[in-house]
N, C-alpha and C. Protein backbone atom coordinates (compact mmCIF):
# COMPACT_ATOMS: atom_id res chain seq x y z
N MET A 1 93.24 116.49 87.67
CA MET A 1 92.94 117.63 88.51
C MET A 1 93.97 118.73 88.27
N THR A 2 93.48 119.95 88.12
CA THR A 2 94.38 121.08 87.91
C THR A 2 94.20 122.10 89.04
N THR A 3 95.13 123.03 89.11
CA THR A 3 95.12 124.02 90.18
C THR A 3 95.39 125.41 89.62
N GLN A 4 95.34 126.40 90.51
CA GLN A 4 95.68 127.76 90.11
C GLN A 4 97.13 127.85 89.64
N ASP A 5 98.00 127.05 90.21
CA ASP A 5 99.40 127.05 89.74
C ASP A 5 99.49 126.64 88.28
N ASP A 6 98.67 125.68 87.87
CA ASP A 6 98.64 125.26 86.46
C ASP A 6 98.12 126.40 85.59
N VAL A 7 97.08 127.06 86.05
CA VAL A 7 96.52 128.20 85.30
C VAL A 7 97.60 129.26 85.11
N ARG A 8 98.27 129.62 86.19
CA ARG A 8 99.31 130.65 86.14
C ARG A 8 100.42 130.27 85.16
N ARG A 9 100.89 129.03 85.24
CA ARG A 9 101.97 128.57 84.36
C ARG A 9 101.56 128.67 82.89
N ILE A 10 100.38 128.21 82.57
CA ILE A 10 99.90 128.22 81.18
C ILE A 10 99.66 129.65 80.71
N ALA A 11 98.93 130.41 81.50
CA ALA A 11 98.57 131.78 81.09
C ALA A 11 99.82 132.64 80.88
N LEU A 12 100.76 132.56 81.80
CA LEU A 12 101.95 133.42 81.68
C LEU A 12 102.91 132.96 80.59
N SER A 13 102.68 131.78 80.02
CA SER A 13 103.50 131.33 78.90
C SER A 13 103.02 131.94 77.58
N LEU A 14 101.86 132.57 77.59
CA LEU A 14 101.30 133.17 76.38
C LEU A 14 101.81 134.60 76.20
N PRO A 15 102.03 135.04 74.97
CA PRO A 15 102.62 136.37 74.71
C PRO A 15 101.85 137.52 75.35
N GLU A 16 102.60 138.42 75.93
CA GLU A 16 102.11 139.67 76.50
C GLU A 16 101.05 139.48 77.58
N THR A 17 101.05 138.34 78.23
CA THR A 17 100.11 138.09 79.32
C THR A 17 100.68 138.63 80.61
N THR A 18 99.81 139.27 81.39
CA THR A 18 100.18 139.77 82.71
C THR A 18 99.17 139.25 83.73
N GLU A 19 99.66 139.10 84.95
CA GLU A 19 98.77 138.76 86.05
C GLU A 19 98.53 140.03 86.85
N GLN A 20 97.29 140.29 87.17
CA GLN A 20 96.95 141.50 87.93
C GLN A 20 97.49 141.38 89.35
N PRO A 21 98.06 142.47 89.85
CA PRO A 21 98.56 142.44 91.23
C PRO A 21 97.40 142.23 92.21
N ASN A 22 97.62 141.39 93.18
CA ASN A 22 96.66 141.13 94.25
C ASN A 22 95.35 140.51 93.78
N ARG A 23 95.32 139.99 92.55
CA ARG A 23 94.12 139.32 92.02
C ARG A 23 94.57 138.15 91.17
N PHE A 24 93.79 137.11 91.17
CA PHE A 24 94.08 135.98 90.29
C PHE A 24 93.34 136.24 88.99
N GLU A 25 93.95 137.08 88.15
CA GLU A 25 93.35 137.51 86.89
C GLU A 25 94.45 137.70 85.86
N PHE A 26 94.20 137.21 84.65
CA PHE A 26 95.20 137.26 83.59
C PHE A 26 94.66 138.06 82.41
N ARG A 27 95.52 138.92 81.89
CA ARG A 27 95.14 139.81 80.79
C ARG A 27 96.18 139.77 79.69
N VAL A 28 95.70 140.06 78.49
CA VAL A 28 96.58 140.30 77.36
C VAL A 28 96.20 141.68 76.82
N ARG A 29 97.19 142.56 76.78
CA ARG A 29 96.96 143.95 76.38
C ARG A 29 95.71 144.54 77.05
N ASN A 30 95.63 144.35 78.32
CA ASN A 30 94.59 144.94 79.18
C ASN A 30 93.20 144.32 79.03
N LYS A 31 93.10 143.18 78.37
CA LYS A 31 91.82 142.49 78.25
C LYS A 31 91.88 141.18 79.02
N THR A 32 90.95 141.01 79.94
CA THR A 32 90.93 139.81 80.78
C THR A 32 90.48 138.59 79.99
N PHE A 33 91.22 137.49 80.16
CA PHE A 33 90.79 136.25 79.53
C PHE A 33 90.60 135.10 80.52
N ALA A 34 91.08 135.26 81.74
CA ALA A 34 90.87 134.25 82.78
C ALA A 34 90.98 134.92 84.14
N ALA A 35 90.08 134.52 85.05
CA ALA A 35 90.10 135.11 86.40
C ALA A 35 89.42 134.16 87.38
N VAL A 36 89.76 134.30 88.64
CA VAL A 36 89.15 133.49 89.68
C VAL A 36 87.64 133.74 89.69
N TYR A 37 86.90 132.71 90.00
CA TYR A 37 85.44 132.78 90.04
C TYR A 37 85.00 133.47 91.32
N PRO A 38 84.33 134.63 91.20
CA PRO A 38 83.80 135.30 92.39
C PRO A 38 82.42 134.72 92.74
N GLU A 39 82.41 133.78 93.64
CA GLU A 39 81.18 133.05 93.96
C GLU A 39 80.28 133.83 94.91
N ARG A 40 79.00 133.80 94.62
CA ARG A 40 78.01 134.43 95.50
C ARG A 40 77.55 133.35 96.48
N ILE A 41 78.00 133.44 97.71
CA ILE A 41 77.65 132.44 98.72
C ILE A 41 76.36 132.82 99.44
N HIS A 42 76.24 134.09 99.78
CA HIS A 42 75.04 134.61 100.44
C HIS A 42 74.42 135.67 99.54
N PRO A 43 73.11 135.61 99.32
CA PRO A 43 72.46 136.49 98.35
C PRO A 43 72.71 137.99 98.56
N LYS A 44 72.82 138.44 99.76
CA LYS A 44 72.95 139.88 99.99
C LYS A 44 74.35 140.29 100.44
N LYS A 45 75.32 139.39 100.26
CA LYS A 45 76.69 139.69 100.66
C LYS A 45 77.60 139.70 99.45
N ALA A 46 78.78 140.24 99.64
CA ALA A 46 79.76 140.33 98.55
C ALA A 46 80.18 138.94 98.06
N ARG A 47 80.57 138.89 96.82
CA ARG A 47 81.08 137.64 96.24
C ARG A 47 82.43 137.32 96.88
N VAL A 48 82.74 136.02 96.92
CA VAL A 48 83.97 135.53 97.53
C VAL A 48 84.77 134.75 96.48
N PRO A 49 86.06 135.06 96.30
CA PRO A 49 86.85 134.31 95.33
C PRO A 49 86.90 132.82 95.70
N ASN A 50 86.56 131.97 94.74
CA ASN A 50 86.61 130.53 94.93
C ASN A 50 87.83 130.02 94.15
N PRO A 51 88.89 129.60 94.82
CA PRO A 51 90.11 129.21 94.13
C PRO A 51 89.98 127.99 93.21
N ASP A 52 88.90 127.22 93.35
CA ASP A 52 88.68 126.09 92.45
C ASP A 52 87.94 126.50 91.18
N GLY A 53 87.36 127.69 91.18
CA GLY A 53 86.60 128.15 90.02
C GLY A 53 87.39 129.13 89.19
N LEU A 54 87.25 129.02 87.88
CA LEU A 54 87.94 129.92 86.96
C LEU A 54 86.94 130.38 85.91
N VAL A 55 86.84 131.68 85.71
CA VAL A 55 86.02 132.24 84.65
C VAL A 55 86.94 132.44 83.45
N VAL A 56 86.58 131.84 82.33
CA VAL A 56 87.39 131.97 81.12
C VAL A 56 86.54 132.51 79.98
N ARG A 57 87.15 133.37 79.18
CA ARG A 57 86.48 133.90 78.00
C ARG A 57 86.39 132.83 76.93
N VAL A 58 85.35 132.92 76.14
CA VAL A 58 85.19 132.06 74.97
C VAL A 58 84.97 132.97 73.76
N ALA A 59 85.12 132.43 72.59
CA ALA A 59 85.06 133.25 71.38
C ALA A 59 83.66 133.82 71.12
N SER A 60 82.63 133.09 71.53
CA SER A 60 81.27 133.54 71.22
C SER A 60 80.28 132.89 72.19
N LEU A 61 79.06 133.40 72.16
CA LEU A 61 78.01 132.78 72.96
C LEU A 61 77.70 131.37 72.46
N GLU A 62 77.89 131.13 71.17
CA GLU A 62 77.68 129.79 70.62
C GLU A 62 78.71 128.82 71.18
N ASP A 63 79.97 129.28 71.31
CA ASP A 63 81.00 128.43 71.91
C ASP A 63 80.68 128.14 73.38
N LYS A 64 80.18 129.15 74.07
CA LYS A 64 79.78 128.97 75.46
C LYS A 64 78.69 127.90 75.56
N ASP A 65 77.66 128.03 74.72
CA ASP A 65 76.57 127.07 74.72
C ASP A 65 77.07 125.66 74.41
N ALA A 66 78.02 125.56 73.50
CA ALA A 66 78.56 124.24 73.14
C ALA A 66 79.28 123.60 74.33
N LEU A 67 80.07 124.38 75.05
CA LEU A 67 80.75 123.84 76.22
C LEU A 67 79.75 123.42 77.30
N LEU A 68 78.75 124.26 77.52
CA LEU A 68 77.75 123.95 78.54
C LEU A 68 76.89 122.75 78.16
N ALA A 69 76.77 122.49 76.86
CA ALA A 69 75.95 121.37 76.40
C ALA A 69 76.67 120.02 76.52
N THR A 70 77.97 120.05 76.74
CA THR A 70 78.70 118.79 76.91
C THR A 70 78.29 118.17 78.23
N SER A 71 78.60 116.93 78.39
CA SER A 71 78.27 116.25 79.65
C SER A 71 79.37 116.45 80.69
N HIS A 72 80.36 117.26 80.35
CA HIS A 72 81.49 117.49 81.26
C HIS A 72 81.01 118.28 82.47
N GLU A 73 81.20 117.72 83.65
CA GLU A 73 80.71 118.35 84.88
C GLU A 73 81.53 119.56 85.31
N ALA A 74 82.62 119.84 84.64
CA ALA A 74 83.47 120.97 85.02
C ALA A 74 82.88 122.31 84.59
N PHE A 75 82.07 122.34 83.54
CA PHE A 75 81.59 123.60 82.97
C PHE A 75 80.23 124.00 83.50
N PHE A 76 80.10 125.28 83.84
CA PHE A 76 78.80 125.81 84.25
C PHE A 76 78.79 127.32 84.09
N THR A 77 77.65 127.90 84.37
CA THR A 77 77.52 129.35 84.35
C THR A 77 76.52 129.75 85.43
N THR A 78 76.37 131.03 85.62
CA THR A 78 75.37 131.55 86.55
C THR A 78 74.62 132.66 85.83
N ASP A 79 73.51 133.09 86.41
CA ASP A 79 72.74 134.18 85.81
C ASP A 79 73.58 135.43 85.61
N HIS A 80 74.54 135.65 86.48
CA HIS A 80 75.41 136.82 86.39
C HIS A 80 76.14 136.88 85.04
N TYR A 81 76.43 135.72 84.45
CA TYR A 81 77.18 135.66 83.19
C TYR A 81 76.29 135.45 81.97
N ASN A 82 74.99 135.53 82.13
CA ASN A 82 74.09 135.42 80.97
C ASN A 82 74.40 136.53 79.96
N GLY A 83 74.49 136.14 78.70
CA GLY A 83 74.76 137.10 77.64
C GLY A 83 76.22 137.51 77.54
N TYR A 84 77.08 136.89 78.31
CA TYR A 84 78.50 137.23 78.31
C TYR A 84 79.27 136.01 77.82
N ALA A 85 80.21 136.23 76.92
CA ALA A 85 80.97 135.14 76.31
C ALA A 85 82.05 134.62 77.26
N SER A 86 81.61 133.96 78.30
CA SER A 86 82.52 133.34 79.25
C SER A 86 81.83 132.14 79.87
N VAL A 87 82.64 131.24 80.39
CA VAL A 87 82.14 130.06 81.06
C VAL A 87 82.94 129.90 82.35
N ILE A 88 82.32 129.28 83.33
CA ILE A 88 83.01 129.02 84.59
C ILE A 88 83.38 127.55 84.60
N VAL A 89 84.55 127.25 85.12
CA VAL A 89 85.03 125.88 85.14
C VAL A 89 85.59 125.56 86.53
N TRP A 90 85.31 124.33 86.99
CA TRP A 90 85.91 123.84 88.22
C TRP A 90 87.26 123.24 87.87
N LEU A 91 88.32 123.82 88.39
CA LEU A 91 89.67 123.34 88.09
C LEU A 91 89.87 121.89 88.53
N SER A 92 89.30 121.53 89.66
CA SER A 92 89.48 120.18 90.19
C SER A 92 88.85 119.10 89.32
N LYS A 93 88.05 119.50 88.34
CA LYS A 93 87.39 118.52 87.48
C LYS A 93 87.96 118.50 86.06
N LEU A 94 89.09 119.18 85.88
CA LEU A 94 89.73 119.24 84.56
C LEU A 94 91.05 118.50 84.54
N GLU A 95 91.35 117.94 83.40
CA GLU A 95 92.66 117.36 83.16
C GLU A 95 93.58 118.47 82.65
N PRO A 96 94.89 118.33 82.83
CA PRO A 96 95.81 119.40 82.40
C PRO A 96 95.69 119.79 80.94
N ASP A 97 95.50 118.83 80.03
CA ASP A 97 95.39 119.17 78.61
C ASP A 97 94.11 119.95 78.32
N GLU A 98 93.03 119.63 79.05
CA GLU A 98 91.78 120.38 78.89
C GLU A 98 91.95 121.82 79.34
N LEU A 99 92.64 122.00 80.46
CA LEU A 99 92.88 123.34 80.98
C LEU A 99 93.72 124.15 80.00
N GLU A 100 94.74 123.54 79.46
CA GLU A 100 95.61 124.27 78.51
C GLU A 100 94.81 124.71 77.29
N ASP A 101 93.99 123.83 76.75
CA ASP A 101 93.16 124.19 75.60
C ASP A 101 92.23 125.36 75.93
N LEU A 102 91.60 125.32 77.10
CA LEU A 102 90.69 126.39 77.51
C LEU A 102 91.40 127.73 77.63
N ILE A 103 92.57 127.72 78.26
CA ILE A 103 93.29 128.98 78.48
C ILE A 103 93.81 129.55 77.17
N VAL A 104 94.36 128.70 76.34
CA VAL A 104 94.85 129.18 75.03
C VAL A 104 93.69 129.72 74.21
N ASP A 105 92.55 129.04 74.21
CA ASP A 105 91.38 129.52 73.49
C ASP A 105 90.87 130.84 74.07
N ALA A 106 90.91 130.96 75.40
CA ALA A 106 90.48 132.21 76.05
C ALA A 106 91.39 133.36 75.65
N TRP A 107 92.69 133.09 75.62
CA TRP A 107 93.66 134.10 75.19
C TRP A 107 93.36 134.53 73.75
N HIS A 108 93.12 133.55 72.88
CA HIS A 108 92.78 133.84 71.48
C HIS A 108 91.50 134.69 71.37
N ALA A 109 90.58 134.51 72.29
CA ALA A 109 89.30 135.22 72.23
C ALA A 109 89.45 136.72 72.46
N VAL A 110 90.51 137.15 73.14
CA VAL A 110 90.64 138.57 73.45
C VAL A 110 91.92 139.22 72.91
N ALA A 111 92.90 138.43 72.52
CA ALA A 111 94.15 139.00 72.02
C ALA A 111 93.93 139.70 70.68
N PRO A 112 94.71 140.75 70.42
CA PRO A 112 94.58 141.44 69.13
C PRO A 112 95.09 140.56 67.98
N PRO A 113 94.54 140.78 66.78
CA PRO A 113 94.88 139.94 65.63
C PRO A 113 96.38 139.84 65.33
N ASP A 114 97.12 140.96 65.47
CA ASP A 114 98.55 140.90 65.16
C ASP A 114 99.29 139.97 66.12
N LEU A 115 98.90 139.96 67.38
CA LEU A 115 99.54 139.11 68.37
C LEU A 115 99.16 137.64 68.15
N ILE A 116 97.91 137.40 67.80
CA ILE A 116 97.46 136.04 67.50
C ILE A 116 98.22 135.49 66.29
N ALA A 117 98.35 136.31 65.26
CA ALA A 117 99.06 135.86 64.05
C ALA A 117 100.51 135.50 64.36
N ALA A 118 101.17 136.32 65.15
CA ALA A 118 102.57 136.05 65.50
C ALA A 118 102.67 134.79 66.36
N PHE A 119 101.75 134.61 67.29
CA PHE A 119 101.76 133.43 68.15
C PHE A 119 101.49 132.16 67.35
N ASP A 120 100.46 132.21 66.51
CA ASP A 120 100.10 131.03 65.71
C ASP A 120 101.18 130.67 64.71
N ALA A 121 101.96 131.64 64.26
CA ALA A 121 103.03 131.37 63.30
C ALA A 121 104.24 130.72 63.95
N SER A 122 104.38 130.91 65.26
CA SER A 122 105.57 130.36 65.94
C SER A 122 105.38 128.92 66.36
């Protein structure tokens, strides 16, 4: 089981990552790669941040489909994210190593090539 504290620790260990003030959202050079899941609880009301849900970027729609095709109960999506290269994950259903892989991959999906090259070389 993982938590938002685990997400924060992993995300902020990556180069040039910032956490948005007053939001559970992580960016690299102004591009979001992980954020709290804004759940729609009531159809005609505003979305509510769900601290157990995390929206993470993936490299492509094919990668998204591959994650969703696994039997892992942590991964899902909603109609709101159709056509968008991201997947939603329940933190409480992930192991720490799985979370780290997801966040690092999400960071790679949006970070600029020069920063990725420097990170991968270290």
